[in-house]
Amino acid sequence: MQTGTRGYLARLLSDQALVGEVCNDVMLVVWQHATRVPATVSLWAWLCGIARHKARKAGARTSSRAMVPVIHQEGKPETPESILLHQEHRHRLTRAMDALPFSERTTLVLLVQHGCAYQDIATVLDIPVSTVRTRVSRACQHLRALVSPLDSHPLP
C-alpha cells in the first residue's frame, strides 16, 4: 500500500525530497485513523485524499516529470540533434505541467498516470464529475498555450 502512495506522491510533488516525508505523514494518519475509513469511499480514494491534502499542506508544487512521454520514432536513427530536440521538448512539457494550477495537475496525474476514470477521479478528489471534466479541459487549454511554440519546431 505504501508503494502506491509513494508513487502517487512522487507524481504530485516537484521536490522529490519531500516524497518520503509526506508519505510518512500519510501513513501516520492512516495508522491513527484506520478505523475511520468511510464505508462509502474506497481505501485508495481515502489514501489519495490524505496524500493530496498532505502534499498541498507541505506547500509542495507538483510536477509531471513522470507524465512526459518518451518519444521514439521507429525506423529513424537517433542523431545528436534529434536527442537534443527530444530533451528540449520533454523539458518544455515538464515546465508547462509545472505551471498548471495544483488542482489541474492533480487531476491530470490521476487521469494520465494512474489511468483513473472521471468518476474515480471525482471520488478521489471529492468533487463532481463535471468539475473533473472542466479541470481536464482547462489543463489541456493551458498546456496547448504553453507548448504551442513547439509546433514551429517539429521534431525530426
N, C-alpha and C. Protein backbone atom coordinates (compact mmCIF):
# COMPACT_ATOMS: atom_id res chain seq x y z
N MET A 1 0.82 -1.19 0.00
CA MET A 1 0.00 0.00 0.00
C MET A 1 0.87 1.26 0.00
N GLN A 2 1.98 1.24 0.74
CA GLN A 2 2.84 2.41 0.80
C GLN A 2 3.49 2.69 -0.55
N THR A 3 3.79 1.66 -1.34
CA THR A 3 4.40 1.85 -2.65
C THR A 3 3.47 2.64 -3.55
N GLY A 4 2.17 2.32 -3.55
CA GLY A 4 1.21 3.06 -4.36
C GLY A 4 1.10 4.50 -3.92
N THR A 5 1.08 4.73 -2.62
CA THR A 5 1.01 6.08 -2.09
C THR A 5 2.28 6.85 -2.43
N ARG A 6 3.42 6.19 -2.29
CA ARG A 6 4.69 6.84 -2.62
C ARG A 6 4.74 7.20 -4.10
N GLY A 7 4.28 6.31 -4.96
CA GLY A 7 4.25 6.60 -6.39
C GLY A 7 3.33 7.76 -6.72
N TYR A 8 2.17 7.79 -6.09
CA TYR A 8 1.23 8.89 -6.29
C TYR A 8 1.86 10.21 -5.87
N LEU A 9 2.49 10.22 -4.69
CA LEU A 9 3.14 11.44 -4.21
C LEU A 9 4.31 11.85 -5.09
N ALA A 10 5.06 10.87 -5.58
CA ALA A 10 6.20 11.18 -6.46
C ALA A 10 5.74 11.89 -7.72
N ARG A 11 4.51 11.58 -8.17
CA ARG A 11 3.99 12.22 -9.37
C ARG A 11 3.40 13.60 -9.06
N LEU A 12 3.06 13.83 -7.81
CA LEU A 12 2.47 15.12 -7.42
C LEU A 12 3.49 16.16 -7.01
N LEU A 13 4.57 15.74 -6.38
CA LEU A 13 5.50 16.68 -5.76
C LEU A 13 6.67 17.02 -6.67
N SER A 14 6.96 18.31 -6.78
CA SER A 14 8.14 18.74 -7.52
C SER A 14 9.41 18.41 -6.75
N ASP A 15 9.36 18.64 -5.46
CA ASP A 15 10.51 18.40 -4.60
C ASP A 15 10.50 16.94 -4.17
N GLN A 16 11.25 16.11 -4.86
CA GLN A 16 11.24 14.68 -4.58
C GLN A 16 11.79 14.34 -3.20
N ALA A 17 12.51 15.27 -2.59
CA ALA A 17 12.99 15.04 -1.24
C ALA A 17 11.83 15.02 -0.24
N LEU A 18 10.73 15.64 -0.59
CA LEU A 18 9.56 15.67 0.29
C LEU A 18 8.72 14.40 0.22
N VAL A 19 8.91 13.60 -0.81
CA VAL A 19 8.07 12.43 -1.02
C VAL A 19 8.07 11.51 0.20
N GLY A 20 9.25 11.16 0.68
CA GLY A 20 9.34 10.27 1.84
C GLY A 20 8.72 10.87 3.08
N GLU A 21 8.98 12.16 3.29
CA GLU A 21 8.44 12.84 4.46
C GLU A 21 6.90 12.88 4.42
N VAL A 22 6.35 13.26 3.27
CA VAL A 22 4.90 13.34 3.15
C VAL A 22 4.28 11.94 3.20
N CYS A 23 4.95 10.96 2.61
CA CYS A 23 4.46 9.58 2.66
C CYS A 23 4.39 9.10 4.11
N ASN A 24 5.40 9.43 4.90
CA ASN A 24 5.38 9.07 6.32
C ASN A 24 4.22 9.76 7.04
N ASP A 25 3.96 11.03 6.69
CA ASP A 25 2.83 11.74 7.28
C ASP A 25 1.51 11.05 6.94
N VAL A 26 1.38 10.60 5.70
CA VAL A 26 0.17 9.90 5.27
C VAL A 26 0.01 8.60 6.06
N MET A 27 1.07 7.85 6.16
CA MET A 27 0.99 6.57 6.88
C MET A 27 0.68 6.77 8.36
N LEU A 28 1.15 7.88 8.94
CA LEU A 28 0.83 8.18 10.33
C LEU A 28 -0.68 8.43 10.48
N VAL A 29 -1.24 9.20 9.54
CA VAL A 29 -2.69 9.46 9.57
C VAL A 29 -3.46 8.14 9.42
N VAL A 30 -3.00 7.29 8.50
CA VAL A 30 -3.65 6.00 8.30
C VAL A 30 -3.60 5.19 9.58
N TRP A 31 -2.46 5.15 10.22
CA TRP A 31 -2.30 4.40 11.46
C TRP A 31 -3.22 4.93 12.55
N GLN A 32 -3.30 6.26 12.65
CA GLN A 32 -4.10 6.87 13.70
C GLN A 32 -5.60 6.78 13.44
N HIS A 33 -6.01 6.76 12.18
CA HIS A 33 -7.43 6.85 11.85
C HIS A 33 -7.92 5.70 10.97
N ALA A 34 -7.27 4.57 11.03
CA ALA A 34 -7.65 3.43 10.18
C ALA A 34 -9.08 2.97 10.40
N THR A 35 -9.59 3.15 11.58
CA THR A 35 -10.96 2.72 11.86
C THR A 35 -12.00 3.71 11.36
N ARG A 36 -11.55 4.84 10.84
CA ARG A 36 -12.47 5.89 10.39
C ARG A 36 -12.65 5.95 8.87
N VAL A 37 -12.20 4.95 8.15
CA VAL A 37 -12.38 4.95 6.69
C VAL A 37 -13.87 4.91 6.40
N PRO A 38 -14.39 5.92 5.69
CA PRO A 38 -15.82 5.93 5.39
C PRO A 38 -16.22 4.71 4.55
N ALA A 39 -17.35 4.13 4.87
CA ALA A 39 -17.81 2.94 4.16
C ALA A 39 -18.15 3.24 2.71
N THR A 40 -18.46 4.49 2.40
CA THR A 40 -18.86 4.86 1.03
C THR A 40 -17.68 5.19 0.14
N VAL A 41 -16.47 5.18 0.69
CA VAL A 41 -15.27 5.56 -0.07
C VAL A 41 -14.30 4.39 -0.10
N SER A 42 -13.68 4.16 -1.25
CA SER A 42 -12.70 3.08 -1.34
C SER A 42 -11.45 3.46 -0.56
N LEU A 43 -10.70 2.47 -0.16
CA LEU A 43 -9.47 2.71 0.58
C LEU A 43 -8.49 3.55 -0.25
N TRP A 44 -8.39 3.25 -1.55
CA TRP A 44 -7.49 4.01 -2.43
C TRP A 44 -7.90 5.48 -2.48
N ALA A 45 -9.18 5.76 -2.60
CA ALA A 45 -9.66 7.14 -2.63
C ALA A 45 -9.35 7.85 -1.31
N TRP A 46 -9.52 7.14 -0.21
CA TRP A 46 -9.23 7.72 1.10
C TRP A 46 -7.75 8.05 1.22
N LEU A 47 -6.89 7.12 0.80
CA LEU A 47 -5.44 7.35 0.84
C LEU A 47 -5.04 8.51 -0.07
N CYS A 48 -5.60 8.56 -1.27
CA CYS A 48 -5.27 9.64 -2.20
C CYS A 48 -5.69 11.00 -1.64
N GLY A 49 -6.83 11.02 -1.00
CA GLY A 49 -7.28 12.27 -0.39
C GLY A 49 -6.33 12.74 0.70
N ILE A 50 -5.89 11.83 1.54
CA ILE A 50 -4.94 12.18 2.59
C ILE A 50 -3.62 12.64 1.97
N ALA A 51 -3.14 11.90 0.97
CA ALA A 51 -1.87 12.24 0.32
C ALA A 51 -1.94 13.61 -0.34
N ARG A 52 -3.05 13.87 -1.04
CA ARG A 52 -3.22 15.16 -1.70
C ARG A 52 -3.23 16.29 -0.68
N HIS A 53 -3.94 16.09 0.41
CA HIS A 53 -4.00 17.10 1.47
C HIS A 53 -2.62 17.35 2.07
N LYS A 54 -1.89 16.28 2.36
CA LYS A 54 -0.56 16.41 2.95
C LYS A 54 0.42 17.07 1.98
N ALA A 55 0.30 16.74 0.68
CA ALA A 55 1.18 17.36 -0.33
C ALA A 55 0.91 18.85 -0.43
N ARG A 56 -0.35 19.21 -0.44
CA ARG A 56 -0.70 20.63 -0.50
C ARG A 56 -0.26 21.34 0.76
N LYS A 57 -0.47 20.70 1.90
CA LYS A 57 -0.08 21.29 3.18
C LYS A 57 1.42 21.50 3.26
N ALA A 58 2.18 20.61 2.66
CA ALA A 58 3.64 20.74 2.66
C ALA A 58 4.09 21.90 1.79
N GLY A 59 3.14 22.51 1.08
CA GLY A 59 3.49 23.66 0.26
C GLY A 59 4.21 23.25 -1.01
N ALA A 60 4.08 21.98 -1.35
CA ALA A 60 4.81 21.47 -2.50
C ALA A 60 4.13 21.85 -3.80
N ARG A 61 4.92 22.09 -4.78
CA ARG A 61 4.42 22.27 -6.14
C ARG A 61 4.51 20.92 -6.81
N THR A 62 3.52 20.59 -7.64
CA THR A 62 3.52 19.29 -8.28
C THR A 62 4.27 19.35 -9.59
N SER A 63 4.63 18.19 -10.03
CA SER A 63 5.38 18.05 -11.26
C SER A 63 4.83 16.91 -12.08
N SER A 64 5.18 16.91 -13.33
CA SER A 64 4.69 15.86 -14.22
C SER A 64 5.83 15.14 -14.88
N ARG A 65 7.01 15.18 -14.32
CA ARG A 65 8.15 14.56 -14.98
C ARG A 65 7.84 13.13 -15.42
N ALA A 66 7.11 12.39 -14.60
CA ALA A 66 6.78 11.01 -14.97
C ALA A 66 5.70 10.94 -16.03
N MET A 67 4.96 12.06 -16.23
CA MET A 67 3.88 12.04 -17.20
C MET A 67 4.36 12.35 -18.62
N VAL A 68 5.54 12.98 -18.76
CA VAL A 68 6.01 13.35 -20.09
C VAL A 68 6.49 12.10 -20.80
N PRO A 69 5.88 11.77 -21.92
CA PRO A 69 6.23 10.52 -22.59
C PRO A 69 7.59 10.59 -23.26
N VAL A 70 8.25 9.46 -23.33
CA VAL A 70 9.49 9.35 -24.08
C VAL A 70 9.09 9.15 -25.53
N ILE A 71 9.66 9.95 -26.40
CA ILE A 71 9.27 9.91 -27.80
C ILE A 71 10.31 9.13 -28.59
N HIS A 72 9.86 8.07 -29.23
CA HIS A 72 10.72 7.28 -30.09
C HIS A 72 10.05 7.15 -31.44
N GLN A 73 10.81 7.31 -32.48
CA GLN A 73 10.27 7.11 -33.82
C GLN A 73 10.98 5.93 -34.43
N GLU A 74 10.24 4.86 -34.63
CA GLU A 74 10.83 3.66 -35.18
C GLU A 74 11.31 3.91 -36.62
N GLY A 75 12.40 3.28 -36.94
CA GLY A 75 12.91 3.38 -38.30
C GLY A 75 13.84 4.55 -38.51
N LYS A 76 13.91 5.49 -37.57
CA LYS A 76 14.79 6.64 -37.72
C LYS A 76 15.92 6.53 -36.70
N PRO A 77 17.16 6.58 -37.16
CA PRO A 77 18.27 6.52 -36.21
C PRO A 77 18.32 7.80 -35.37
N GLU A 78 18.69 7.64 -34.12
CA GLU A 78 18.80 8.79 -33.23
C GLU A 78 20.10 9.53 -33.53
N THR A 79 19.97 10.81 -33.80
CA THR A 79 21.14 11.65 -34.04
C THR A 79 21.30 12.56 -32.83
N PRO A 80 22.48 13.15 -32.66
CA PRO A 80 22.65 14.08 -31.54
C PRO A 80 21.62 15.22 -31.59
N GLU A 81 21.31 15.69 -32.80
CA GLU A 81 20.33 16.77 -32.94
C GLU A 81 18.93 16.32 -32.49
N SER A 82 18.53 15.12 -32.90
CA SER A 82 17.20 14.64 -32.52
C SER A 82 17.12 14.38 -31.02
N ILE A 83 18.20 13.89 -30.43
CA ILE A 83 18.23 13.66 -28.99
C ILE A 83 18.07 14.98 -28.24
N LEU A 84 18.78 16.02 -28.68
CA LEU A 84 18.67 17.33 -28.04
C LEU A 84 17.27 17.92 -28.21
N LEU A 85 16.69 17.76 -29.39
CA LEU A 85 15.33 18.27 -29.61
C LEU A 85 14.32 17.53 -28.73
N HIS A 86 14.49 16.22 -28.58
CA HIS A 86 13.59 15.45 -27.71
C HIS A 86 13.74 15.90 -26.26
N GLN A 87 14.98 16.14 -25.84
CA GLN A 87 15.21 16.60 -24.47
C GLN A 87 14.59 17.98 -24.25
N GLU A 88 14.71 18.86 -25.23
CA GLU A 88 14.10 20.19 -25.12
C GLU A 88 12.58 20.08 -25.07
N HIS A 89 12.02 19.22 -25.89
CA HIS A 89 10.57 19.01 -25.91
C HIS A 89 10.10 18.52 -24.54
N ARG A 90 10.80 17.54 -24.00
CA ARG A 90 10.46 16.99 -22.68
C ARG A 90 10.57 18.06 -21.60
N HIS A 91 11.62 18.87 -21.67
CA HIS A 91 11.83 19.93 -20.69
C HIS A 91 10.69 20.96 -20.75
N ARG A 92 10.28 21.34 -21.95
CA ARG A 92 9.18 22.30 -22.11
C ARG A 92 7.86 21.73 -21.60
N LEU A 93 7.60 20.47 -21.88
CA LEU A 93 6.37 19.85 -21.38
C LEU A 93 6.37 19.80 -19.85
N THR A 94 7.52 19.49 -19.28
CA THR A 94 7.62 19.45 -17.82
C THR A 94 7.37 20.83 -17.23
N ARG A 95 7.98 21.85 -17.81
CA ARG A 95 7.77 23.22 -17.32
C ARG A 95 6.31 23.63 -17.48
N ALA A 96 5.70 23.24 -18.59
CA ALA A 96 4.29 23.57 -18.80
C ALA A 96 3.41 22.90 -17.75
N MET A 97 3.68 21.64 -17.45
CA MET A 97 2.91 20.95 -16.42
C MET A 97 3.13 21.60 -15.05
N ASP A 98 4.35 22.00 -14.77
CA ASP A 98 4.65 22.66 -13.50
C ASP A 98 3.92 23.99 -13.37
N ALA A 99 3.60 24.62 -14.50
CA ALA A 99 2.91 25.91 -14.49
C ALA A 99 1.41 25.78 -14.26
N LEU A 100 0.88 24.57 -14.38
CA LEU A 100 -0.56 24.37 -14.17
C LEU A 100 -0.92 24.54 -12.70
N PRO A 101 -2.14 24.99 -12.42
CA PRO A 101 -2.59 25.04 -11.03
C PRO A 101 -2.61 23.64 -10.41
N PHE A 102 -2.45 23.59 -9.11
CA PHE A 102 -2.36 22.32 -8.38
C PHE A 102 -3.54 21.41 -8.70
N SER A 103 -4.75 21.96 -8.71
CA SER A 103 -5.94 21.13 -8.94
C SER A 103 -5.93 20.51 -10.34
N GLU A 104 -5.48 21.23 -11.33
CA GLU A 104 -5.42 20.70 -12.69
C GLU A 104 -4.34 19.64 -12.83
N ARG A 105 -3.18 19.87 -12.23
CA ARG A 105 -2.11 18.88 -12.28
C ARG A 105 -2.51 17.60 -11.58
N THR A 106 -3.13 17.74 -10.41
CA THR A 106 -3.57 16.56 -9.66
C THR A 106 -4.55 15.74 -10.50
N THR A 107 -5.48 16.41 -11.13
CA THR A 107 -6.47 15.73 -11.97
C THR A 107 -5.79 15.02 -13.13
N LEU A 108 -4.83 15.67 -13.79
CA LEU A 108 -4.13 15.04 -14.91
C LEU A 108 -3.28 13.86 -14.48
N VAL A 109 -2.65 13.96 -13.32
CA VAL A 109 -1.85 12.83 -12.81
C VAL A 109 -2.74 11.61 -12.63
N LEU A 110 -3.91 11.81 -12.04
CA LEU A 110 -4.83 10.70 -11.84
C LEU A 110 -5.36 10.15 -13.17
N LEU A 111 -5.63 11.03 -14.11
CA LEU A 111 -6.18 10.61 -15.40
C LEU A 111 -5.12 9.92 -16.26
N VAL A 112 -3.99 10.56 -16.43
CA VAL A 112 -2.97 10.07 -17.36
C VAL A 112 -2.08 9.00 -16.74
N GLN A 113 -1.52 9.29 -15.58
CA GLN A 113 -0.55 8.37 -14.99
C GLN A 113 -1.20 7.15 -14.34
N HIS A 114 -2.31 7.38 -13.65
CA HIS A 114 -2.97 6.28 -12.95
C HIS A 114 -4.08 5.64 -13.78
N GLY A 115 -4.45 6.29 -14.88
CA GLY A 115 -5.49 5.73 -15.75
C GLY A 115 -6.86 5.69 -15.10
N CYS A 116 -7.11 6.58 -14.16
CA CYS A 116 -8.40 6.61 -13.48
C CYS A 116 -9.49 7.15 -14.40
N ALA A 117 -10.68 6.63 -14.25
CA ALA A 117 -11.85 7.14 -14.96
C ALA A 117 -12.30 8.44 -14.29
N TYR A 118 -13.07 9.24 -15.03
CA TYR A 118 -13.54 10.51 -14.48
C TYR A 118 -14.30 10.32 -13.17
N GLN A 119 -15.14 9.30 -13.11
CA GLN A 119 -15.91 9.05 -11.89
C GLN A 119 -14.98 8.71 -10.72
N ASP A 120 -13.93 7.93 -10.98
CA ASP A 120 -12.97 7.60 -9.92
C ASP A 120 -12.22 8.83 -9.45
N ILE A 121 -11.84 9.69 -10.39
CA ILE A 121 -11.15 10.94 -10.03
C ILE A 121 -12.06 11.80 -9.16
N ALA A 122 -13.32 11.88 -9.55
CA ALA A 122 -14.29 12.66 -8.77
C ALA A 122 -14.39 12.12 -7.35
N THR A 123 -14.38 10.80 -7.21
CA THR A 123 -14.45 10.19 -5.88
C THR A 123 -13.19 10.50 -5.08
N VAL A 124 -12.02 10.34 -5.70
CA VAL A 124 -10.75 10.59 -5.01
C VAL A 124 -10.63 12.04 -4.57
N LEU A 125 -11.01 12.96 -5.45
CA LEU A 125 -10.86 14.39 -5.14
C LEU A 125 -12.07 14.98 -4.43
N ASP A 126 -13.13 14.17 -4.29
CA ASP A 126 -14.36 14.60 -3.64
C ASP A 126 -14.95 15.83 -4.33
N ILE A 127 -15.08 15.72 -5.65
CA ILE A 127 -15.66 16.79 -6.47
C ILE A 127 -16.62 16.15 -7.46
N PRO A 128 -17.52 16.93 -8.06
CA PRO A 128 -18.42 16.37 -9.07
C PRO A 128 -17.67 15.98 -10.35
N VAL A 129 -18.23 15.04 -11.10
CA VAL A 129 -17.61 14.62 -12.36
C VAL A 129 -17.50 15.80 -13.32
N SER A 130 -18.47 16.69 -13.30
CA SER A 130 -18.42 17.86 -14.18
C SER A 130 -17.21 18.74 -13.88
N THR A 131 -16.82 18.81 -12.62
CA THR A 131 -15.63 19.59 -12.24
C THR A 131 -14.37 18.90 -12.76
N VAL A 132 -14.35 17.57 -12.73
CA VAL A 132 -13.21 16.83 -13.28
C VAL A 132 -13.08 17.15 -14.77
N ARG A 133 -14.19 17.09 -15.49
CA ARG A 133 -14.17 17.40 -16.93
C ARG A 133 -13.67 18.82 -17.19
N THR A 134 -14.13 19.75 -16.38
CA THR A 134 -13.71 21.15 -16.53
C THR A 134 -12.22 21.30 -16.28
N ARG A 135 -11.72 20.66 -15.24
CA ARG A 135 -10.29 20.75 -14.92
C ARG A 135 -9.43 20.15 -16.03
N VAL A 136 -9.86 19.03 -16.57
CA VAL A 136 -9.11 18.40 -17.66
C VAL A 136 -9.13 19.32 -18.89
N SER A 137 -10.27 19.87 -19.19
CA SER A 137 -10.38 20.77 -20.35
C SER A 137 -9.50 22.00 -20.17
N ARG A 138 -9.56 22.61 -19.01
CA ARG A 138 -8.73 23.80 -18.75
C ARG A 138 -7.24 23.46 -18.78
N ALA A 139 -6.88 22.32 -18.21
CA ALA A 139 -5.47 21.91 -18.22
C ALA A 139 -4.98 21.72 -19.64
N CYS A 140 -5.81 21.11 -20.48
CA CYS A 140 -5.42 20.91 -21.89
C CYS A 140 -5.27 22.25 -22.61
N GLN A 141 -6.18 23.18 -22.35
CA GLN A 141 -6.07 24.51 -22.95
C GLN A 141 -4.79 25.20 -22.50
N HIS A 142 -4.50 25.12 -21.21
CA HIS A 142 -3.28 25.74 -20.69
C HIS A 142 -2.04 25.10 -21.31
N LEU A 143 -2.03 23.78 -21.40
CA LEU A 143 -0.87 23.09 -21.98
C LEU A 143 -0.69 23.46 -23.45
N ARG A 144 -1.79 23.52 -24.20
CA ARG A 144 -1.69 23.90 -25.61
C ARG A 144 -1.07 25.29 -25.75
N ALA A 145 -1.51 26.22 -24.91
CA ALA A 145 -0.99 27.58 -24.97
C ALA A 145 0.49 27.64 -24.59
N LEU A 146 0.87 26.85 -23.61
CA LEU A 146 2.25 26.88 -23.14
C LEU A 146 3.21 26.12 -24.05
N VAL A 147 2.71 25.10 -24.73
CA VAL A 147 3.58 24.25 -25.54
C VAL A 147 3.47 24.56 -27.02
N SER A 148 2.53 25.40 -27.43
CA SER A 148 2.32 25.66 -28.85
C SER A 148 3.57 26.17 -29.58
N PRO A 149 4.48 26.90 -28.94
CA PRO A 149 5.71 27.27 -29.66
C PRO A 149 6.50 26.08 -30.17
N LEU A 150 6.31 24.90 -29.59
CA LEU A 150 7.00 23.70 -30.06
C LEU A 150 6.56 23.33 -31.48
N ASP A 151 5.34 23.70 -31.83
CA ASP A 151 4.82 23.35 -33.15
C ASP A 151 5.62 24.01 -34.27
N SER A 152 6.24 25.15 -33.99
CA SER A 152 7.02 25.82 -35.01
C SER A 152 8.36 25.13 -35.25
N HIS A 153 8.75 24.24 -34.34
CA HIS A 153 10.00 23.47 -34.48
C HIS A 153 9.68 22.00 -34.32
N PRO A 154 9.13 21.37 -35.35
CA PRO A 154 8.76 19.95 -35.22
C PRO A 154 9.97 19.07 -34.99
N LEU A 155 9.74 17.98 -34.30
CA LEU A 155 10.80 17.02 -34.04
C LEU A 155 11.13 16.26 -35.30
N PRO A 156 12.40 15.89 -35.49
CA PRO A 156 12.75 15.15 -36.72
C PRO A 156 12.15 13.76 -36.72
